[in-house]
Protein backbone atom coordinates (compact mmCIF):
# COMPACT_ATOMS: atom_id res chain seq x y z
CA UNK A 1 92.21 104.74 82.61
CA UNK A 2 93.63 103.61 79.26
CA UNK A 3 95.06 100.17 78.73
CA UNK A 4 98.72 100.50 77.97
CA UNK A 5 100.23 97.10 78.64
CA UNK A 6 102.39 97.14 75.49
CA UNK A 7 103.74 100.58 76.34
CA UNK A 8 104.55 99.45 79.85
CA UNK A 9 106.28 96.38 78.44
CA UNK A 10 108.48 98.62 76.31
CA UNK A 11 109.43 100.59 79.44
CA UNK A 12 110.20 97.74 81.84
CA UNK A 13 110.69 94.50 79.94
CA UNK A 14 114.33 94.26 81.02
CA UNK A 15 114.14 96.34 84.21
CA UNK A 16 112.87 93.83 86.78
CA UNK A 17 115.51 92.85 89.31
CA UNK A 18 115.90 89.18 90.36
CA UNK A 19 116.35 89.17 94.13
CA UNK A 20 116.05 85.57 95.34
CA UNK A 21 119.80 84.94 95.09
CA UNK A 22 120.83 88.02 97.09
CA UNK A 23 121.82 87.63 100.74
CA UNK A 24 119.01 88.84 102.99
CA UNK A 25 116.77 89.35 99.97
CA UNK A 26 113.00 89.34 99.89
CA UNK A 27 111.46 85.95 99.18
CA UNK A 28 108.23 84.64 97.69
CA UNK A 29 107.20 87.96 96.20
CA UNK A 30 104.98 86.15 93.69
CA UNK A 31 103.46 83.80 96.32
CA UNK A 32 104.42 80.74 94.26
CA UNK A 33 106.31 79.04 97.13
CA UNK A 34 103.09 78.36 99.03
CA UNK A 35 102.57 74.99 100.70
CA UNK A 36 99.04 74.51 101.96
CA UNK A 37 99.21 72.84 105.39
CA UNK A 38 95.83 72.67 107.17
CA UNK A 39 95.44 74.71 110.35
CA UNK A 40 93.10 74.03 113.25
CA UNK A 41 91.95 77.65 112.96
CA UNK A 42 89.88 79.37 110.32
CA UNK A 43 86.58 77.48 110.47
CA UNK A 44 87.97 74.57 108.48
CA UNK A 45 89.43 76.74 105.72
CA UNK A 46 92.61 77.73 107.55
CA UNK A 47 96.17 76.94 106.43
CA UNK A 48 99.37 77.50 108.40
CA UNK A 49 100.66 80.98 107.62
CA UNK A 50 104.38 80.19 107.59
CA UNK A 51 103.80 77.50 104.96
CA UNK A 52 101.32 79.45 102.87
CA UNK A 53 103.37 82.67 102.98
CA UNK A 54 107.06 81.82 103.51
CA UNK A 55 109.03 84.83 104.80
CA UNK A 56 105.86 86.94 105.21
CA UNK A 57 104.21 88.12 108.43
CA UNK A 58 100.48 88.79 108.69
CA UNK A 59 98.51 91.08 110.97
CA UNK A 60 94.75 91.00 111.42
CA UNK A 61 92.91 93.60 113.51
CA UNK A 62 96.25 94.86 114.79
CA UNK A 63 97.54 91.50 116.06
CA UNK A 64 99.84 88.91 114.45
CA UNK A 65 98.11 85.84 113.05
CA UNK A 66 99.53 82.38 112.43
CA UNK A 67 97.00 81.17 109.86
CA UNK A 68 95.54 82.25 106.53
CA UNK A 69 92.29 81.39 104.78
CA UNK A 70 92.40 79.25 101.64
CA UNK A 71 89.96 79.57 98.73
CA UNK A 72 87.09 81.20 100.60
CA UNK A 73 85.83 84.60 101.66
CA UNK A 74 84.01 84.74 104.99
CA UNK A 75 81.46 87.40 105.74
CA UNK A 76 81.95 89.24 109.03
CA UNK A 77 85.62 88.30 109.04
CA UNK A 78 88.93 90.09 108.57
CA UNK A 79 91.70 87.90 107.28
CA UNK A 80 94.70 87.28 105.08
CA UNK A 81 94.11 84.62 102.46
CA UNK A 82 95.51 82.72 99.51
CA UNK A 83 93.63 81.36 96.54
CA UNK A 84 94.33 79.15 93.54
CA UNK A 85 92.60 77.86 90.41
CA UNK A 86 90.26 75.73 92.55
CA UNK A 87 88.72 78.76 94.23
CA UNK A 88 84.90 78.61 94.10
CA UNK A 89 83.12 80.56 91.39
CA UNK A 90 81.58 83.06 93.78
CA UNK A 91 85.04 84.47 94.46
CA UNK A 92 84.96 85.59 90.86
CA UNK A 93 88.71 85.37 90.22
CA UNK A 94 91.45 82.95 89.35
CA UNK A 95 95.01 83.71 90.48
CA UNK A 96 96.27 86.85 88.78
CA UNK A 97 99.54 85.20 87.77
CA UNK A 98 100.89 81.68 88.32
CA UNK A 99 99.30 79.18 90.69
CA UNK A 100 98.56 81.39 93.70
CA UNK A 101 97.52 84.92 94.59
CA UNK A 102 97.27 86.46 98.05
CA UNK A 103 94.30 88.48 99.20
CA UNK A 104 93.40 90.74 102.10
CA UNK A 105 89.80 90.71 103.32
CA UNK A 106 88.10 93.34 105.46
CA UNK A 107 84.58 93.11 106.82
CA UNK A 108 84.60 95.28 109.93
CA UNK A 109 85.12 99.06 109.85
CA UNK A 110 88.19 100.45 111.60
CA UNK A 111 89.93 97.10 111.28
CA UNK A 112 92.69 95.84 109.04
CA UNK A 113 94.42 92.93 107.33
CA UNK A 114 98.09 93.28 106.45
CA UNK A 115 101.00 91.39 104.88
CA UNK A 116 104.58 92.49 105.57
CA UNK A 117 108.11 91.28 104.92
CA UNK A 118 111.58 92.61 105.78
CA UNK A 119 114.47 92.18 103.39
CA UNK A 120 117.21 93.87 101.40
CA UNK A 121 115.97 96.27 98.74
CA UNK A 122 118.39 95.95 95.81
CA UNK A 123 120.86 98.80 95.42
CA UNK A 124 119.70 99.33 91.83
CA UNK A 125 115.98 99.44 92.69
CA UNK A 126 114.11 102.61 91.84
CA UNK A 127 110.57 101.28 91.99
CA UNK A 128 108.44 98.40 93.17
CA UNK A 129 105.65 96.97 91.03
CA UNK A 130 102.65 94.90 92.10
CA UNK A 131 99.28 93.75 90.79
CA UNK A 132 95.96 94.01 92.60
CA UNK A 133 92.56 92.48 91.90
CA UNK A 134 89.67 94.09 93.80
CA UNK A 135 86.42 92.28 94.51
CA UNK A 136 83.49 92.80 96.84
CA UNK A 137 82.29 90.14 99.24
CA UNK A 138 78.64 90.95 99.45
CA UNK A 139 78.30 93.01 97.10
CA UNK A 140 78.56 96.10 99.21
CA UNK A 141 76.62 99.17 97.95
CA UNK A 142 78.54 101.31 100.44
CA UNK A 143 81.94 100.38 99.01
CA UNK A 144 83.96 103.33 97.72
CA UNK A 145 86.78 103.18 95.14
CA UNK A 146 89.25 103.94 97.92
CA UNK A 147 88.06 100.81 99.78
CA UNK A 148 89.46 98.69 96.93
CA UNK A 149 92.97 100.10 97.18
CA UNK A 150 95.74 98.74 99.37
CA UNK A 151 97.90 100.95 101.54
CA UNK A 152 101.60 100.46 100.74
CA UNK A 153 104.28 101.30 103.30
CA UNK A 154 108.06 101.07 103.57
CA UNK A 155 109.36 101.19 107.14
CA UNK A 156 106.03 102.57 108.29
CA UNK A 157 106.05 105.39 105.76
CA UNK A 158 103.08 105.48 103.38
CA UNK A 159 104.29 105.46 99.78
CA UNK A 160 101.98 106.64 96.98
CA UNK A 161 101.72 104.55 93.85
CA UNK A 162 100.40 105.03 90.33
CA UNK A 163 98.55 102.78 87.90
CA UNK A 164 100.80 101.57 85.10
CA UNK A 165 98.47 99.15 83.33
CA UNK A 166 94.80 98.28 83.69
CA UNK A 167 93.46 94.99 82.39
CA UNK A 168 90.11 93.24 82.77
CA UNK A 169 91.23 91.22 85.81
CA UNK A 170 93.89 93.32 87.48
CA UNK A 171 95.72 96.63 87.71
CA UNK A 172 99.51 96.89 87.74
CA UNK A 173 100.90 99.59 90.03
CA UNK A 174 104.34 101.13 90.61
CA UNK A 175 105.74 103.06 93.57
CA UNK A 176 108.95 105.05 93.88
CA UNK A 177 111.15 103.35 96.50
CA UNK A 178 114.48 104.82 95.36
CA UNK A 179 114.98 106.46 98.76
CA UNK A 180 115.27 102.98 100.31
CA UNK A 181 117.53 101.27 97.76
CA UNK A 182 120.34 99.26 99.29
CA UNK A 183 118.70 99.17 102.72
CA UNK A 184 117.15 96.39 104.78
CA UNK A 185 113.57 97.58 105.04
CA UNK A 186 110.04 96.40 105.70
CA UNK A 187 107.45 96.52 102.94
CA UNK A 188 103.80 96.30 104.01
CA UNK A 189 100.50 95.98 102.16
CA UNK A 190 97.36 96.76 104.15
CA UNK A 191 93.61 96.83 103.62
CA UNK A 192 92.23 99.24 106.20
CA UNK A 193 88.91 100.80 107.16
CA UNK A 194 87.02 98.97 104.38
CA UNK A 195 83.81 97.00 104.79
CA UNK A 196 82.75 94.03 102.70
CA UNK A 197 85.68 93.98 100.28
CA UNK A 198 88.74 91.90 99.48
CA UNK A 199 91.75 92.82 97.36
CA UNK A 200 93.99 90.29 95.62
CA UNK A 201 97.76 90.89 95.57
CA UNK A 202 100.34 89.30 93.27
CA UNK A 203 103.49 89.66 91.17
CA UNK A 204 105.48 91.99 93.45
CA UNK A 205 108.84 92.92 91.91
CA UNK A 206 111.60 95.47 92.29
CA UNK A 207 112.63 97.38 89.19
CA UNK A 208 115.46 99.61 88.08
CA UNK A 209 112.88 101.59 86.09
CA UNK A 210 112.00 105.06 87.37
CA UNK A 211 108.26 105.48 87.90
CA UNK A 212 107.25 107.57 84.88
CA UNK A 213 105.27 110.76 85.24
CA UNK A 214 101.71 110.50 83.89
CA UNK A 215 102.65 112.71 80.96
CA UNK A 216 105.54 110.41 80.07
CA UNK A 217 103.26 107.39 80.14
CA UNK A 218 100.79 109.13 77.86
CA UNK A 219 103.58 110.08 75.43
CA UNK A 220 104.88 106.51 75.32
CA UNK A 221 101.37 105.17 74.75
CA UNK A 222 100.86 107.59 71.84
CA UNK A 223 104.27 106.72 70.38
CA UNK A 224 103.52 103.00 70.54
CA UNK A 225 100.11 103.58 68.95
CA UNK A 226 101.71 105.54 66.09
CA UNK A 227 104.34 102.83 65.65
CA UNK A 228 101.62 100.19 65.45
CA UNK A 229 99.72 102.28 62.89
CA UNK A 230 102.86 102.69 60.77
CA UNK A 231 103.57 98.96 60.89
CA UNK A 232 100.01 98.15 59.87
CA UNK A 233 100.25 100.56 56.93
CA UNK A 234 103.59 99.04 55.90
CA UNK A 235 102.14 95.54 56.00
CA UNK A 236 99.09 96.74 54.04
CA UNK A 237 101.28 98.21 51.33
CA UNK A 238 102.91 94.84 50.71
CA UNK A 239 99.67 93.13 49.72
């Protein structure tokens, strides 16, 4: 996949929709409101879920959980977690953006870890964007590319998404949620049926930008490349 962060910036720089001030709106979509309150659960690494993930609900192995794991991955464990810049080196990642990133960890087959929230999808929203950072716990030679992808749902309906930008530490994705604009709906991110992997999640945002077709993205990327070439030639001619 080609890097096209500048092209994506041209498409959506002004399209993200601020939602925090809207009545019934989604909250803490970038996970920056986290307060890390120790929990008695989680083998000493647990934090209280409602403080670590305000407005979010978590499900592990099909049941609600009231704690998350902080700055550690645990083999033979399915969990929802949060990590910051103090995460140990073996995790291999700093937060994708800001101070905190969420992650979903799956160690057992046919099990899951999920984060969900219900709120008002803005009436002007046509897409939702989010960043993921995949990493393996073990490493796991059996891991497949599909194991490192999250399942995204709105009101229980699986919504496909496309890669908009790929960088060294993360991929930015976009999904068409225009059918749900102006409704109070549940969004859900799930890591299911994977073994020995974790996937970071960050920077969720609604956008008024339509999810471009792959051909449109390629055209924009070429146009931006040609523009950059023309600008470089113009600068060179002034020497």
